Amino acid sequence: MDINTFYGLITLVLLVLFLGIVIWAYSGKRKKSFDEAAQLPLEENREESNSQRRKGNEHE
């Protein structure tokens, strides 16, 4: 086995792995979980602002 053949096989394996990850990431089955994950920072900000509003109303 020539070193260039080895490099070619490694390149092919990595290409197949990359395409598999892309197909997995963009599949319709993953959309719901990715949408939920995208909303997490916004939900944390809402919780913090709501708790700050409650604290401010308690002091009045």
PDB file of N, CA and C in Angstrom:
ATOM      1  N   MET A   1       0.845  -1.174   0.000  1.00  0.00           N
ATOM      2  CA  MET A   1       0.000   0.000   0.000  1.00  0.00           C
ATOM      3  C   MET A   1       0.894   1.243   0.000  1.00  0.00           C
ATOM      4  N   ASP A   2       0.691   2.064  -0.958  1.00  0.00           N
ATOM      5  CA  ASP A   2       1.434   3.311  -1.104  1.00  0.00           C
ATOM      6  C   ASP A   2       0.894   4.341  -0.108  1.00  0.00           C
ATOM      7  N   ILE A   3       1.716   5.276   0.338  1.00  0.00           N
ATOM      8  CA  ILE A   3       1.294   6.307   1.290  1.00  0.00           C
ATOM      9  C   ILE A   3       0.191   7.186   0.700  1.00  0.00           C
ATOM     10  N   ASN A   4       0.243   7.429  -0.606  1.00  0.00           N
ATOM     11  CA  ASN A   4      -0.792   8.235  -1.241  1.00  0.00           C
ATOM     12  C   ASN A   4      -2.140   7.509  -1.243  1.00  0.00           C
ATOM     13  N   THR A   5      -2.119   6.195  -1.359  1.00  0.00           N
ATOM     14  CA  THR A   5      -3.353   5.416  -1.257  1.00  0.00           C
ATOM     15  C   THR A   5      -3.926   5.531   0.148  1.00  0.00           C
ATOM     16  N   PHE A   6      -3.062   5.457   1.140  1.00  0.00           N
ATOM     17  CA  PHE A   6      -3.477   5.614   2.535  1.00  0.00           C
ATOM     18  C   PHE A   6      -4.107   6.989   2.755  1.00  0.00           C
ATOM     19  N   TYR A   7      -3.467   8.035   2.275  1.00  0.00           N
ATOM     20  CA  TYR A   7      -4.024   9.390   2.400  1.00  0.00           C
ATOM     21  C   TYR A   7      -5.368   9.508   1.684  1.00  0.00           C
ATOM     22  N   GLY A   8      -5.491   8.876   0.548  1.00  0.00           N
ATOM     23  CA  GLY A   8      -6.753   8.886  -0.187  1.00  0.00           C
ATOM     24  C   GLY A   8      -7.863   8.201   0.590  1.00  0.00           C
ATOM     25  N   LEU A   9      -7.555   7.075   1.232  1.00  0.00           N
ATOM     26  CA  LEU A   9      -8.560   6.371   2.034  1.00  0.00           C
ATOM     27  C   LEU A   9      -8.973   7.191   3.259  1.00  0.00           C
ATOM     28  N   ILE A  10      -7.997   7.806   3.911  1.00  0.00           N
ATOM     29  CA  ILE A  10      -8.305   8.662   5.060  1.00  0.00           C
ATOM     30  C   ILE A  10      -9.193   9.825   4.629  1.00  0.00           C
ATOM     31  N   THR A  11      -8.883  10.430   3.497  1.00  0.00           N
ATOM     32  CA  THR A  11      -9.694  11.529   2.983  1.00  0.00           C
ATOM     33  C   THR A  11     -11.114  11.059   2.692  1.00  0.00           C
ATOM     34  N   LEU A  12     -11.268   9.899   2.107  1.00  0.00           N
ATOM     35  CA  LEU A  12     -12.585   9.350   1.809  1.00  0.00           C
ATOM     36  C   LEU A  12     -13.375   9.080   3.089  1.00  0.00           C
ATOM     37  N   VAL A  13     -12.725   8.503   4.085  1.00  0.00           N
ATOM     38  CA  VAL A  13     -13.396   8.225   5.359  1.00  0.00           C
ATOM     39  C   VAL A  13     -13.848   9.521   6.019  1.00  0.00           C
ATOM     40  N   LEU A  14     -13.000  10.525   6.038  1.00  0.00           N
ATOM     41  CA  LEU A  14     -13.354  11.805   6.646  1.00  0.00           C
ATOM     42  C   LEU A  14     -14.475  12.503   5.887  1.00  0.00           C
ATOM     43  N   LEU A  15     -14.487  12.391   4.560  1.00  0.00           N
ATOM     44  CA  LEU A  15     -15.545  12.975   3.755  1.00  0.00           C
ATOM     45  C   LEU A  15     -16.884  12.305   4.060  1.00  0.00           C
ATOM     46  N   VAL A  16     -16.879  10.994   4.146  1.00  0.00           N
ATOM     47  CA  VAL A  16     -18.110  10.265   4.470  1.00  0.00           C
ATOM     48  C   VAL A  16     -18.592  10.632   5.873  1.00  0.00           C
ATOM     49  N   LEU A  17     -17.679  10.748   6.820  1.00  0.00           N
ATOM     50  CA  LEU A  17     -18.029  11.147   8.182  1.00  0.00           C
ATOM     51  C   LEU A  17     -18.626  12.550   8.201  1.00  0.00           C
ATOM     52  N   PHE A  18     -18.011  13.468   7.491  1.00  0.00           N
ATOM     53  CA  PHE A  18     -18.514  14.838   7.415  1.00  0.00           C
ATOM     54  C   PHE A  18     -19.914  14.873   6.812  1.00  0.00           C
ATOM     55  N   LEU A  19     -20.114  14.168   5.717  1.00  0.00           N
ATOM     56  CA  LEU A  19     -21.436  14.149   5.080  1.00  0.00           C
ATOM     57  C   LEU A  19     -22.481  13.516   5.995  1.00  0.00           C
ATOM     58  N   GLY A  20     -22.089  12.502   6.746  1.00  0.00           N
ATOM     59  CA  GLY A  20     -23.007  11.884   7.701  1.00  0.00           C
ATOM     60  C   GLY A  20     -23.435  12.861   8.783  1.00  0.00           C
ATOM     61  N   ILE A  21     -22.495  13.642   9.296  1.00  0.00           N
ATOM     62  CA  ILE A  21     -22.818  14.633  10.322  1.00  0.00           C
ATOM     63  C   ILE A  21     -23.724  15.722   9.755  1.00  0.00           C
ATOM     64  N   VAL A  22     -23.458  16.167   8.547  1.00  0.00           N
ATOM     65  CA  VAL A  22     -24.294  17.196   7.912  1.00  0.00           C
ATOM     66  C   VAL A  22     -25.715  16.678   7.721  1.00  0.00           C
ATOM     67  N   ILE A  23     -25.851  15.453   7.237  1.00  0.00           N
ATOM     68  CA  ILE A  23     -27.182  14.881   7.031  1.00  0.00           C
ATOM     69  C   ILE A  23     -27.899  14.730   8.371  1.00  0.00           C
ATOM     70  N   TRP A  24     -27.189  14.298   9.402  1.00  0.00           N
ATOM     71  CA  TRP A  24     -27.785  14.159  10.729  1.00  0.00           C
ATOM     72  C   TRP A  24     -28.251  15.516  11.267  1.00  0.00           C
ATOM     73  N   ALA A  25     -27.408  16.528  11.124  1.00  0.00           N
ATOM     74  CA  ALA A  25     -27.721  17.841  11.679  1.00  0.00           C
ATOM     75  C   ALA A  25     -28.894  18.502  10.974  1.00  0.00           C
ATOM     76  N   TYR A  26     -29.030  18.303   9.673  1.00  0.00           N
ATOM     77  CA  TYR A  26     -30.093  18.954   8.920  1.00  0.00           C
ATOM     78  C   TYR A  26     -31.311  18.065   8.703  1.00  0.00           C
ATOM     79  N   SER A  27     -31.362  16.903   9.356  1.00  0.00           N
ATOM     80  CA  SER A  27     -32.521  16.040   9.181  1.00  0.00           C
ATOM     81  C   SER A  27     -33.720  16.641   9.899  1.00  0.00           C
ATOM     82  N   GLY A  28     -34.885  16.330   9.430  1.00  0.00           N
ATOM     83  CA  GLY A  28     -36.108  16.869  10.016  1.00  0.00           C
ATOM     84  C   GLY A  28     -36.348  16.397  11.435  1.00  0.00           C
ATOM     85  N   LYS A  29     -35.824  15.251  11.798  1.00  0.00           N
ATOM     86  CA  LYS A  29     -36.016  14.718  13.146  1.00  0.00           C
ATOM     87  C   LYS A  29     -35.326  15.583  14.200  1.00  0.00           C
ATOM     88  N   ARG A  30     -34.273  16.264  13.845  1.00  0.00           N
ATOM     89  CA  ARG A  30     -33.498  17.064  14.789  1.00  0.00           C
ATOM     90  C   ARG A  30     -34.015  18.491  14.934  1.00  0.00           C
ATOM     91  N   LYS A  31     -34.898  18.919  14.058  1.00  0.00           N
ATOM     92  CA  LYS A  31     -35.349  20.311  14.041  1.00  0.00           C
ATOM     93  C   LYS A  31     -35.955  20.739  15.380  1.00  0.00           C
ATOM     94  N   LYS A  32     -36.808  19.910  15.956  1.00  0.00           N
ATOM     95  CA  LYS A  32     -37.471  20.282  17.205  1.00  0.00           C
ATOM     96  C   LYS A  32     -36.465  20.494  18.334  1.00  0.00           C
ATOM     97  N   SER A  33     -35.514  19.574  18.478  1.00  0.00           N
ATOM     98  CA  SER A  33     -34.544  19.721  19.561  1.00  0.00           C
ATOM     99  C   SER A  33     -33.614  20.911  19.331  1.00  0.00           C
ATOM    100  N   PHE A  34     -33.260  21.190  18.076  1.00  0.00           N
ATOM    101  CA  PHE A  34     -32.429  22.358  17.791  1.00  0.00           C
ATOM    102  C   PHE A  34     -33.198  23.655  18.042  1.00  0.00           C
ATOM    103  N   ASP A  35     -34.490  23.687  17.714  1.00  0.00           N
ATOM    104  CA  ASP A  35     -35.300  24.869  17.992  1.00  0.00           C
ATOM    105  C   ASP A  35     -35.414  25.113  19.499  1.00  0.00           C
ATOM    106  N   GLU A  36     -35.598  24.041  20.264  1.00  0.00           N
ATOM    107  CA  GLU A  36     -35.660  24.181  21.721  1.00  0.00           C
ATOM    108  C   GLU A  36     -34.337  24.687  22.276  1.00  0.00           C
ATOM    109  N   ALA A  37     -33.239  24.157  21.775  1.00  0.00           N
ATOM    110  CA  ALA A  37     -31.921  24.591  22.240  1.00  0.00           C
ATOM    111  C   ALA A  37     -31.665  26.052  21.873  1.00  0.00           C
ATOM    112  N   ALA A  38     -32.183  26.490  20.739  1.00  0.00           N
ATOM    113  CA  ALA A  38     -31.987  27.876  20.320  1.00  0.00           C
ATOM    114  C   ALA A  38     -32.748  28.846  21.225  1.00  0.00           C
ATOM    115  N   GLN A  39     -33.813  28.383  21.864  1.00  0.00           N
ATOM    116  CA  GLN A  39     -34.614  29.250  22.727  1.00  0.00           C
ATOM    117  C   GLN A  39     -34.104  29.308  24.170  1.00  0.00           C
ATOM    118  N   LEU A  40     -33.177  28.438  24.552  1.00  0.00           N
ATOM    119  CA  LEU A  40     -32.697  28.400  25.927  1.00  0.00           C
ATOM    120  C   LEU A  40     -32.133  29.729  26.432  1.00  0.00           C
ATOM    121  N   PRO A  41     -31.271  30.422  25.698  1.00  0.00           N
ATOM    122  CA  PRO A  41     -30.766  31.698  26.220  1.00  0.00           C
ATOM    123  C   PRO A  41     -31.882  32.726  26.427  1.00  0.00           C
ATOM    124  N   LEU A  42     -32.871  32.708  25.583  1.00  0.00           N
ATOM    125  CA  LEU A  42     -33.965  33.659  25.714  1.00  0.00           C
ATOM    126  C   LEU A  42     -34.830  33.332  26.924  1.00  0.00           C
ATOM    127  N   GLU A  43     -35.044  32.061  27.202  1.00  0.00           N
ATOM    128  CA  GLU A  43     -35.835  31.671  28.363  1.00  0.00           C
ATOM    129  C   GLU A  43     -35.121  32.047  29.652  1.00  0.00           C
ATOM    130  N   GLU A  44     -33.802  31.894  29.701  1.00  0.00           N
ATOM    131  CA  GLU A  44     -33.060  32.276  30.887  1.00  0.00           C
ATOM    132  C   GLU A  44     -33.167  33.772  31.130  1.00  0.00           C
ATOM    133  N   ASN A  45     -33.112  34.575  30.081  1.00  0.00           N
ATOM    134  CA  ASN A  45     -33.244  36.022  30.226  1.00  0.00           C
ATOM    135  C   ASN A  45     -34.635  36.391  30.710  1.00  0.00           C
ATOM    136  N   ARG A  46     -35.653  35.706  30.223  1.00  0.00           N
ATOM    137  CA  ARG A  46     -37.020  35.987  30.675  1.00  0.00           C
ATOM    138  C   ARG A  46     -37.173  35.664  32.153  1.00  0.00           C
ATOM    139  N   GLU A  47     -36.612  34.532  32.592  1.00  0.00           N
ATOM    140  CA  GLU A  47     -36.706  34.158  33.997  1.00  0.00           C
ATOM    141  C   GLU A  47     -36.000  35.169  34.887  1.00  0.00           C
ATOM    142  N   GLU A  48     -34.829  35.634  34.466  1.00  0.00           N
ATOM    143  CA  GLU A  48     -34.084  36.612  35.257  1.00  0.00           C
ATOM    144  C   GLU A  48     -34.846  37.929  35.342  1.00  0.00           C
ATOM    145  N   SER A  49     -35.388  38.389  34.225  1.00  0.00           N
ATOM    146  CA  SER A  49     -36.094  39.667  34.235  1.00  0.00           C
ATOM    147  C   SER A  49     -37.379  39.561  35.045  1.00  0.00           C
ATOM    148  N   ASN A  50     -38.067  38.426  34.987  1.00  0.00           N
ATOM    149  CA  ASN A  50     -39.276  38.244  35.785  1.00  0.00           C
ATOM    150  C   ASN A  50     -38.961  38.228  37.267  1.00  0.00           C
ATOM    151  N   SER A  51     -37.884  37.576  37.667  1.00  0.00           N
ATOM    152  CA  SER A  51     -37.519  37.539  39.085  1.00  0.00           C
ATOM    153  C   SER A  51     -37.082  38.920  39.556  1.00  0.00           C
ATOM    154  N   GLN A  52     -36.418  39.698  38.701  1.00  0.00           N
ATOM    155  CA  GLN A  52     -36.029  41.057  39.082  1.00  0.00           C
ATOM    156  C   GLN A  52     -37.257  41.940  39.226  1.00  0.00           C
ATOM    157  N   ARG A  53     -38.249  41.765  38.368  1.00  0.00           N
ATOM    158  CA  ARG A  53     -39.479  42.556  38.477  1.00  0.00           C
ATOM    159  C   ARG A  53     -40.206  42.219  39.790  1.00  0.00           C
ATOM    160  N   ARG A  54     -40.244  40.937  40.133  1.00  0.00           N
ATOM    161  CA  ARG A  54     -40.914  40.539  41.375  1.00  0.00           C
ATOM    162  C   ARG A  54     -40.210  41.149  42.583  1.00  0.00           C
ATOM    163  N   LYS A  55     -38.879  41.134  42.580  1.00  0.00           N
ATOM    164  CA  LYS A  55     -38.121  41.701  43.690  1.00  0.00           C
ATOM    165  C   LYS A  55     -38.371  43.198  43.792  1.00  0.00           C
ATOM    166  N   GLY A  56     -38.443  43.871  42.660  1.00  0.00           N
ATOM    167  CA  GLY A  56     -38.696  45.310  42.651  1.00  0.00           C
ATOM    168  C   GLY A  56     -40.082  45.651  43.155  1.00  0.00           C
ATOM    169  N   ASN A  57     -41.066  44.821  42.838  1.00  0.00           N
ATOM    170  CA  ASN A  57     -42.437  45.053  43.306  1.00  0.00           C
ATOM    171  C   ASN A  57     -42.596  44.755  44.794  1.00  0.00           C
ATOM    172  N   GLU A  58     -41.800  43.865  45.336  1.00  0.00           N
ATOM    173  CA  GLU A  58     -41.887  43.518  46.753  1.00  0.00           C
ATOM    174  C   GLU A  58     -41.402  44.670  47.631  1.00  0.00           C
ATOM    175  N   HIS A  59     -40.462  45.457  47.148  1.00  0.00           N
ATOM    176  CA  HIS A  59     -39.897  46.543  47.943  1.00  0.00           C
ATOM    177  C   HIS A  59     -40.788  47.772  47.962  1.00  0.00           C
ATOM    178  N   GLU A  60     -41.737  47.842  47.065  1.00  0.00           N
ATOM    179  CA  GLU A  60     -42.577  49.040  46.982  1.00  0.00           C
ATOM    180  C   GLU A  60     -43.726  48.998  47.927  1.00  0.00           C
TER     181      GLU A  60
END
